[in-house]
Amino acid sequence: MREVTIYSRSGCHLCEVAHQALEGLQSQADFSITQVLIDGNSELIEKYGEQVPVIHIDGKPHDYFRVDPERFLAAINQR
């Protein structure tokens, strides 16, 4: 199973929308979702700052700000 990580901030509307979009795509591909809040983590804040949400697939950066369903599914189904 592929692992999708969403780096986000508390109260981030775009992060909530991205998370909901990914949950909706789980019916079309086999992956789990883990959310990591960058709040209070200076290393993650420096790395991702205002780019959240940042989406990683299996630990590798995929996208930020929004989820493009077609692009995401192409990436998640790639082996």
PDB file of N, CA and C in Angstrom:
ATOM      1  N   MET A   1       0.842  -1.179   0.000  1.00  0.00           N
ATOM      2  CA  MET A   1       0.000   0.000   0.000  1.00  0.00           C
ATOM      3  C   MET A   1       0.892   1.250   0.000  1.00  0.00           C
ATOM      4  N   ARG A   2       0.527   2.203  -0.823  1.00  0.00           N
ATOM      5  CA  ARG A   2       1.288   3.455  -0.903  1.00  0.00           C
ATOM      6  C   ARG A   2       0.930   4.332   0.287  1.00  0.00           C
ATOM      7  N   GLU A   3       1.869   5.163   0.708  1.00  0.00           N
ATOM      8  CA  GLU A   3       1.684   6.054   1.849  1.00  0.00           C
ATOM      9  C   GLU A   3       1.708   7.507   1.375  1.00  0.00           C
ATOM     10  N   VAL A   4       0.623   8.204   1.643  1.00  0.00           N
ATOM     11  CA  VAL A   4       0.513   9.622   1.297  1.00  0.00           C
ATOM     12  C   VAL A   4       0.578  10.426   2.594  1.00  0.00           C
ATOM     13  N   THR A   5       1.459  11.405   2.618  1.00  0.00           N
ATOM     14  CA  THR A   5       1.603  12.278   3.777  1.00  0.00           C
ATOM     15  C   THR A   5       1.224  13.688   3.378  1.00  0.00           C
ATOM     16  N   ILE A   6       0.412  14.318   4.225  1.00  0.00           N
ATOM     17  CA  ILE A   6       0.027  15.714   4.010  1.00  0.00           C
ATOM     18  C   ILE A   6       0.667  16.529   5.127  1.00  0.00           C
ATOM     19  N   TYR A   7       1.576  17.411   4.761  1.00  0.00           N
ATOM     20  CA  TYR A   7       2.139  18.360   5.721  1.00  0.00           C
ATOM     21  C   TYR A   7       1.237  19.575   5.728  1.00  0.00           C
ATOM     22  N   SER A   8       0.724  19.922   6.914  1.00  0.00           N
ATOM     23  CA  SER A   8      -0.255  21.003   6.982  1.00  0.00           C
ATOM     24  C   SER A   8      -0.123  21.792   8.279  1.00  0.00           C
ATOM     25  N   ARG A   9      -0.967  22.802   8.393  1.00  0.00           N
ATOM     26  CA  ARG A   9      -1.033  23.642   9.597  1.00  0.00           C
ATOM     27  C   ARG A   9      -2.437  23.544  10.176  1.00  0.00           C
ATOM     28  N   SER A  10      -2.540  23.785  11.458  1.00  0.00           N
ATOM     29  CA  SER A  10      -3.851  23.847  12.111  1.00  0.00           C
ATOM     30  C   SER A  10      -4.641  25.007  11.527  1.00  0.00           C
ATOM     31  N   GLY A  11      -5.926  24.777  11.275  1.00  0.00           N
ATOM     32  CA  GLY A  11      -6.795  25.835  10.776  1.00  0.00           C
ATOM     33  C   GLY A  11      -6.580  26.213   9.325  1.00  0.00           C
ATOM     34  N   CYS A  12      -5.839  25.417   8.581  1.00  0.00           N
ATOM     35  CA  CYS A  12      -5.537  25.711   7.178  1.00  0.00           C
ATOM     36  C   CYS A  12      -6.672  25.174   6.296  1.00  0.00           C
ATOM     37  N   HIS A  13      -7.416  26.074   5.679  1.00  0.00           N
ATOM     38  CA  HIS A  13      -8.543  25.680   4.841  1.00  0.00           C
ATOM     39  C   HIS A  13      -8.094  24.847   3.635  1.00  0.00           C
ATOM     40  N   LEU A  14      -7.022  25.264   2.969  1.00  0.00           N
ATOM     41  CA  LEU A  14      -6.522  24.500   1.815  1.00  0.00           C
ATOM     42  C   LEU A  14      -6.094  23.095   2.229  1.00  0.00           C
ATOM     43  N   CYS A  15      -5.566  22.970   3.440  1.00  0.00           N
ATOM     44  CA  CYS A  15      -5.151  21.657   3.943  1.00  0.00           C
ATOM     45  C   CYS A  15      -6.368  20.752   4.120  1.00  0.00           C
ATOM     46  N   GLU A  16      -7.440  21.300   4.655  1.00  0.00           N
ATOM     47  CA  GLU A  16      -8.672  20.536   4.843  1.00  0.00           C
ATOM     48  C   GLU A  16      -9.243  20.090   3.498  1.00  0.00           C
ATOM     49  N   VAL A  17      -9.240  20.995   2.524  1.00  0.00           N
ATOM     50  CA  VAL A  17      -9.754  20.672   1.189  1.00  0.00           C
ATOM     51  C   VAL A  17      -8.896  19.572   0.551  1.00  0.00           C
ATOM     52  N   ALA A  18      -7.576  19.668   0.683  1.00  0.00           N
ATOM     53  CA  ALA A  18      -6.676  18.652   0.117  1.00  0.00           C
ATOM     54  C   ALA A  18      -6.918  17.296   0.769  1.00  0.00           C
ATOM     55  N   HIS A  19      -7.073  17.283   2.083  1.00  0.00           N
ATOM     56  CA  HIS A  19      -7.305  16.039   2.810  1.00  0.00           C
ATOM     57  C   HIS A  19      -8.612  15.393   2.348  1.00  0.00           C
ATOM     58  N   GLN A  20      -9.656  16.188   2.204  1.00  0.00           N
ATOM     59  CA  GLN A  20     -10.946  15.670   1.737  1.00  0.00           C
ATOM     60  C   GLN A  20     -10.836  15.127   0.306  1.00  0.00           C
ATOM     61  N   ALA A  21     -10.085  15.844  -0.544  1.00  0.00           N
ATOM     62  CA  ALA A  21      -9.900  15.386  -1.927  1.00  0.00           C
ATOM     63  C   ALA A  21      -9.192  14.033  -1.949  1.00  0.00           C
ATOM     64  N   LEU A  22      -8.157  13.885  -1.122  1.00  0.00           N
ATOM     65  CA  LEU A  22      -7.424  12.623  -1.075  1.00  0.00           C
ATOM     66  C   LEU A  22      -8.301  11.502  -0.538  1.00  0.00           C
ATOM     67  N   GLU A  23      -9.089  11.781   0.488  1.00  0.00           N
ATOM     68  CA  GLU A  23     -10.003  10.764   1.012  1.00  0.00           C
ATOM     69  C   GLU A  23     -10.974  10.310  -0.083  1.00  0.00           C
ATOM     70  N   GLY A  24     -11.434  11.242  -0.895  1.00  0.00           N
ATOM     71  CA  GLY A  24     -12.336  10.904  -1.986  1.00  0.00           C
ATOM     72  C   GLY A  24     -11.692  10.038  -3.051  1.00  0.00           C
ATOM     73  N   LEU A  25     -10.385  10.150  -3.190  1.00  0.00           N
ATOM     74  CA  LEU A  25      -9.663   9.370  -4.199  1.00  0.00           C
ATOM     75  C   LEU A  25      -9.289   7.971  -3.717  1.00  0.00           C
ATOM     76  N   GLN A  26      -9.443   7.711  -2.429  1.00  0.00           N
ATOM     77  CA  GLN A  26      -9.080   6.398  -1.898  1.00  0.00           C
ATOM     78  C   GLN A  26      -9.945   5.283  -2.477  1.00  0.00           C
ATOM     79  N   SER A  27     -11.114   5.609  -3.008  1.00  0.00           N
ATOM     80  CA  SER A  27     -11.949   4.587  -3.634  1.00  0.00           C
ATOM     81  C   SER A  27     -11.405   4.180  -5.006  1.00  0.00           C
ATOM     82  N   GLN A  28     -10.457   4.967  -5.527  1.00  0.00           N
ATOM     83  CA  GLN A  28      -9.909   4.702  -6.857  1.00  0.00           C
ATOM     84  C   GLN A  28      -8.472   4.174  -6.825  1.00  0.00           C
ATOM     85  N   ALA A  29      -7.859   4.189  -5.648  1.00  0.00           N
ATOM     86  CA  ALA A  29      -6.475   3.717  -5.532  1.00  0.00           C
ATOM     87  C   ALA A  29      -6.222   3.274  -4.097  1.00  0.00           C
ATOM     88  N   ASP A  30      -5.262   2.388  -3.915  1.00  0.00           N
ATOM     89  CA  ASP A  30      -4.941   1.827  -2.601  1.00  0.00           C
ATOM     90  C   ASP A  30      -3.808   2.635  -1.960  1.00  0.00           C
ATOM     91  N   PHE A  31      -4.159   3.520  -1.024  1.00  0.00           N
ATOM     92  CA  PHE A  31      -3.153   4.292  -0.311  1.00  0.00           C
ATOM     93  C   PHE A  31      -3.700   4.705   1.049  1.00  0.00           C
ATOM     94  N   SER A  32      -2.777   4.932   1.973  1.00  0.00           N
ATOM     95  CA  SER A  32      -3.155   5.439   3.289  1.00  0.00           C
ATOM     96  C   SER A  32      -2.748   6.909   3.372  1.00  0.00           C
ATOM     97  N   ILE A  33      -3.386   7.631   4.275  1.00  0.00           N
ATOM     98  CA  ILE A  33      -3.125   9.064   4.434  1.00  0.00           C
ATOM     99  C   ILE A  33      -2.666   9.327   5.863  1.00  0.00           C
ATOM    100  N   THR A  34      -1.567  10.044   5.996  1.00  0.00           N
ATOM    101  CA  THR A  34      -1.082  10.496   7.290  1.00  0.00           C
ATOM    102  C   THR A  34      -0.956  12.008   7.228  1.00  0.00           C
ATOM    103  N   GLN A  35      -1.500  12.680   8.222  1.00  0.00           N
ATOM    104  CA  GLN A  35      -1.383  14.140   8.281  1.00  0.00           C
ATOM    105  C   GLN A  35      -0.330  14.503   9.314  1.00  0.00           C
ATOM    106  N   VAL A  36       0.600  15.386   8.932  1.00  0.00           N
ATOM    107  CA  VAL A  36       1.642  15.867   9.831  1.00  0.00           C
ATOM    108  C   VAL A  36       1.478  17.374   9.949  1.00  0.00           C
ATOM    109  N   LEU A  37       1.188  17.834  11.167  1.00  0.00           N
ATOM    110  CA  LEU A  37       1.076  19.275  11.399  1.00  0.00           C
ATOM    111  C   LEU A  37       2.469  19.855  11.595  1.00  0.00           C
ATOM    112  N   ILE A  38       2.762  20.917  10.870  1.00  0.00           N
ATOM    113  CA  ILE A  38       4.084  21.538  10.988  1.00  0.00           C
ATOM    114  C   ILE A  38       4.119  22.566  12.114  1.00  0.00           C
ATOM    115  N   ASP A  39       2.972  22.864  12.706  1.00  0.00           N
ATOM    116  CA  ASP A  39       2.891  23.834  13.802  1.00  0.00           C
ATOM    117  C   ASP A  39       3.909  23.489  14.891  1.00  0.00           C
ATOM    118  N   GLY A  40       4.712  24.469  15.284  1.00  0.00           N
ATOM    119  CA  GLY A  40       5.650  24.277  16.380  1.00  0.00           C
ATOM    120  C   GLY A  40       6.910  23.509  16.032  1.00  0.00           C
ATOM    121  N   ASN A  41       7.052  23.047  14.803  1.00  0.00           N
ATOM    122  CA  ASN A  41       8.242  22.310  14.388  1.00  0.00           C
ATOM    123  C   ASN A  41       9.057  23.221  13.480  1.00  0.00           C
ATOM    124  N   SER A  42      10.081  23.848  14.032  1.00  0.00           N
ATOM    125  CA  SER A  42      10.844  24.857  13.287  1.00  0.00           C
ATOM    126  C   SER A  42      11.469  24.300  12.008  1.00  0.00           C
ATOM    127  N   GLU A  43      11.898  23.048  12.035  1.00  0.00           N
ATOM    128  CA  GLU A  43      12.493  22.439  10.837  1.00  0.00           C
ATOM    129  C   GLU A  43      11.459  22.324   9.719  1.00  0.00           C
ATOM    130  N   LEU A  44      10.264  21.823  10.055  1.00  0.00           N
ATOM    131  CA  LEU A  44       9.216  21.679   9.040  1.00  0.00           C
ATOM    132  C   LEU A  44       8.671  23.034   8.599  1.00  0.00           C
ATOM    133  N   ILE A  45       8.585  23.980   9.517  1.00  0.00           N
ATOM    134  CA  ILE A  45       8.121  25.323   9.152  1.00  0.00           C
ATOM    135  C   ILE A  45       9.098  25.953   8.164  1.00  0.00           C
ATOM    136  N   GLU A  46      10.393  25.787   8.421  1.00  0.00           N
ATOM    137  CA  GLU A  46      11.402  26.340   7.508  1.00  0.00           C
ATOM    138  C   GLU A  46      11.332  25.648   6.148  1.00  0.00           C
ATOM    139  N   LYS A  47      11.097  24.341   6.165  1.00  0.00           N
ATOM    140  CA  LYS A  47      11.080  23.565   4.929  1.00  0.00           C
ATOM    141  C   LYS A  47       9.831  23.835   4.089  1.00  0.00           C
ATOM    142  N   TYR A  48       8.654  23.897   4.741  1.00  0.00           N
ATOM    143  CA  TYR A  48       7.398  23.996   4.008  1.00  0.00           C
ATOM    144  C   TYR A  48       6.701  25.349   4.145  1.00  0.00           C
ATOM    145  N   GLY A  49       6.954  26.064   5.225  1.00  0.00           N
ATOM    146  CA  GLY A  49       6.427  27.409   5.434  1.00  0.00           C
ATOM    147  C   GLY A  49       5.015  27.626   4.952  1.00  0.00           C
ATOM    148  N   GLU A  50       4.883  28.494   3.978  1.00  0.00           N
ATOM    149  CA  GLU A  50       3.569  28.878   3.464  1.00  0.00           C
ATOM    150  C   GLU A  50       3.114  28.026   2.281  1.00  0.00           C
ATOM    151  N   GLN A  51       3.822  26.948   1.981  1.00  0.00           N
ATOM    152  CA  GLN A  51       3.455  26.099   0.844  1.00  0.00           C
ATOM    153  C   GLN A  51       2.389  25.068   1.190  1.00  0.00           C
ATOM    154  N   VAL A  52       2.027  24.953   2.451  1.00  0.00           N
ATOM    155  CA  VAL A  52       1.092  23.903   2.851  1.00  0.00           C
ATOM    156  C   VAL A  52      -0.267  24.083   2.202  1.00  0.00           C
ATOM    157  N   PRO A  53      -0.932  22.984   1.921  1.00  0.00           N
ATOM    158  CA  PRO A  53      -0.510  21.620   2.193  1.00  0.00           C
ATOM    159  C   PRO A  53       0.535  21.122   1.191  1.00  0.00           C
ATOM    160  N   VAL A  54       1.465  20.339   1.702  1.00  0.00           N
ATOM    161  CA  VAL A  54       2.474  19.699   0.864  1.00  0.00           C
ATOM    162  C   VAL A  54       2.170  18.202   0.881  1.00  0.00           C
ATOM    163  N   ILE A  55       2.049  17.615  -0.291  1.00  0.00           N
ATOM    164  CA  ILE A  55       1.690  16.209  -0.422  1.00  0.00           C
ATOM    165  C   ILE A  55       2.932  15.401  -0.815  1.00  0.00           C
ATOM    166  N   HIS A  56       3.202  14.348  -0.057  1.00  0.00           N
ATOM    167  CA  HIS A  56       4.276  13.412  -0.381  1.00  0.00           C
ATOM    168  C   HIS A  56       3.659  12.050  -0.669  1.00  0.00           C
ATOM    169  N   ILE A  57       4.232  11.345  -1.614  1.00  0.00           N
ATOM    170  CA  ILE A  57       3.854   9.963  -1.890  1.00  0.00           C
ATOM    171  C   ILE A  57       5.076   9.105  -1.588  1.00  0.00           C
ATOM    172  N   ASP A  58       4.914   8.188  -0.649  1.00  0.00           N
ATOM    173  CA  ASP A  58       6.014   7.309  -0.222  1.00  0.00           C
ATOM    174  C   ASP A  58       7.269   8.110   0.128  1.00  0.00           C
ATOM    175  N   GLY A  59       7.072   9.235   0.820  1.00  0.00           N
ATOM    176  CA  GLY A  59       8.190  10.034   1.300  1.00  0.00           C
ATOM    177  C   GLY A  59       8.794  10.990   0.288  1.00  0.00           C
ATOM    178  N   LYS A  60       8.277  10.988  -0.926  1.00  0.00           N
ATOM    179  CA  LYS A  60       8.813  11.871  -1.966  1.00  0.00           C
ATOM    180  C   LYS A  60       7.807  12.976  -2.272  1.00  0.00           C
ATOM    181  N   PRO A  61       8.282  14.225  -2.401  1.00  0.00           N
ATOM    182  CA  PRO A  61       7.365  15.340  -2.697  1.00  0.00           C
ATOM    183  C   PRO A  61       6.586  15.100  -3.988  1.00  0.00           C
ATOM    184  N   HIS A  62       5.300  15.380  -3.925  1.00  0.00           N
ATOM    185  CA  HIS A  62       4.443  15.239  -5.096  1.00  0.00           C
ATOM    186  C   HIS A  62       3.871  16.587  -5.518  1.00  0.00           C
ATOM    187  N   ASP A  63       3.264  17.303  -4.593  1.00  0.00           N
ATOM    188  CA  ASP A  63       2.579  18.542  -4.946  1.00  0.00           C
ATOM    189  C   ASP A  63       2.368  19.400  -3.708  1.00  0.00           C
ATOM    190  N   TYR A  64       1.917  20.613  -3.933  1.00  0.00           N
ATOM    191  CA  TYR A  64       1.569  21.490  -2.817  1.00  0.00           C
ATOM    192  C   TYR A  64       0.381  22.357  -3.210  1.00  0.00           C
ATOM    193  N   PHE A  65      -0.244  22.948  -2.210  1.00  0.00           N
ATOM    194  CA  PHE A  65      -1.437  23.804  -2.306  1.00  0.00           C
ATOM    195  C   PHE A  65      -2.717  23.042  -2.642  1.00  0.00           C
ATOM    196  N   ARG A  66      -2.799  22.389  -3.784  1.00  0.00           N
ATOM    197  CA  ARG A  66      -4.032  21.730  -4.195  1.00  0.00           C
ATOM    198  C   ARG A  66      -3.745  20.325  -4.742  1.00  0.00           C
ATOM    199  N   VAL A  67      -4.789  19.495  -4.719  1.00  0.00           N
ATOM    200  CA  VAL A  67      -4.678  18.141  -5.266  1.00  0.00           C
ATOM    201  C   VAL A  67      -5.325  18.141  -6.649  1.00  0.00           C
ATOM    202  N   ASP A  68      -4.538  17.789  -7.651  1.00  0.00           N
ATOM    203  CA  ASP A  68      -5.065  17.593  -9.000  1.00  0.00           C
ATOM    204  C   ASP A  68      -5.372  16.099  -9.107  1.00  0.00           C
ATOM    205  N   PRO A  69      -6.653  15.716  -9.075  1.00  0.00           N
ATOM    206  CA  PRO A  69      -7.006  14.291  -9.031  1.00  0.00           C
ATOM    207  C   PRO A  69      -6.368  13.451 -10.130  1.00  0.00           C
ATOM    208  N   GLU A  70      -6.379  13.934 -11.348  1.00  0.00           N
ATOM    209  CA  GLU A  70      -5.817  13.165 -12.459  1.00  0.00           C
ATOM    210  C   GLU A  70      -4.310  12.960 -12.283  1.00  0.00           C
ATOM    211  N   ARG A  71      -3.604  14.012 -11.935  1.00  0.00           N
ATOM    212  CA  ARG A  71      -2.148  13.938 -11.728  1.00  0.00           C
ATOM    213  C   ARG A  71      -1.824  13.041 -10.540  1.00  0.00           C
ATOM    214  N   PHE A  72      -2.598  13.191  -9.458  1.00  0.00           N
ATOM    215  CA  PHE A  72      -2.364  12.385  -8.269  1.00  0.00           C
ATOM    216  C   PHE A  72      -2.565  10.900  -8.561  1.00  0.00           C
ATOM    217  N   LEU A  73      -3.678  10.549  -9.196  1.00  0.00           N
ATOM    218  CA  LEU A  73      -3.946   9.137  -9.489  1.00  0.00           C
ATOM    219  C   LEU A  73      -2.894   8.543 -10.424  1.00  0.00           C
ATOM    220  N   ALA A  74      -2.418   9.321 -11.388  1.00  0.00           N
ATOM    221  CA  ALA A  74      -1.351   8.835 -12.277  1.00  0.00           C
ATOM    222  C   ALA A  74      -0.100   8.522 -11.464  1.00  0.00           C
ATOM    223  N   ALA A  75       0.223   9.385 -10.504  1.00  0.00           N
ATOM    224  CA  ALA A  75       1.418   9.189  -9.681  1.00  0.00           C
ATOM    225  C   ALA A  75       1.249   8.031  -8.709  1.00  0.00           C
ATOM    226  N   ILE A  76       0.082   7.933  -8.091  1.00  0.00           N
ATOM    227  CA  ILE A  76      -0.133   6.902  -7.068  1.00  0.00           C
ATOM    228  C   ILE A  76      -0.232   5.509  -7.697  1.00  0.00           C
ATOM    229  N   ASN A  77      -0.688   5.425  -8.927  1.00  0.00           N
ATOM    230  CA  ASN A  77      -0.813   4.128  -9.597  1.00  0.00           C
ATOM    231  C   ASN A  77       0.449   3.708 -10.326  1.00  0.00           C
ATOM    232  N   GLN A  78       1.439   4.567 -10.341  1.00  0.00           N
ATOM    233  CA  GLN A  78       2.734   4.272 -10.977  1.00  0.00           C
ATOM    234  C   GLN A  78       3.538   3.374 -10.057  1.00  0.00           C
ATOM    235  N   ARG A  79       4.160   2.382 -10.555  1.00  0.00           N
ATOM    236  CA  ARG A  79       4.994   1.491  -9.735  1.00  0.00           C
ATOM    237  C   ARG A  79       6.377   1.442 -10.262  1.00  0.00           C
TER     238      ARG A  79
END
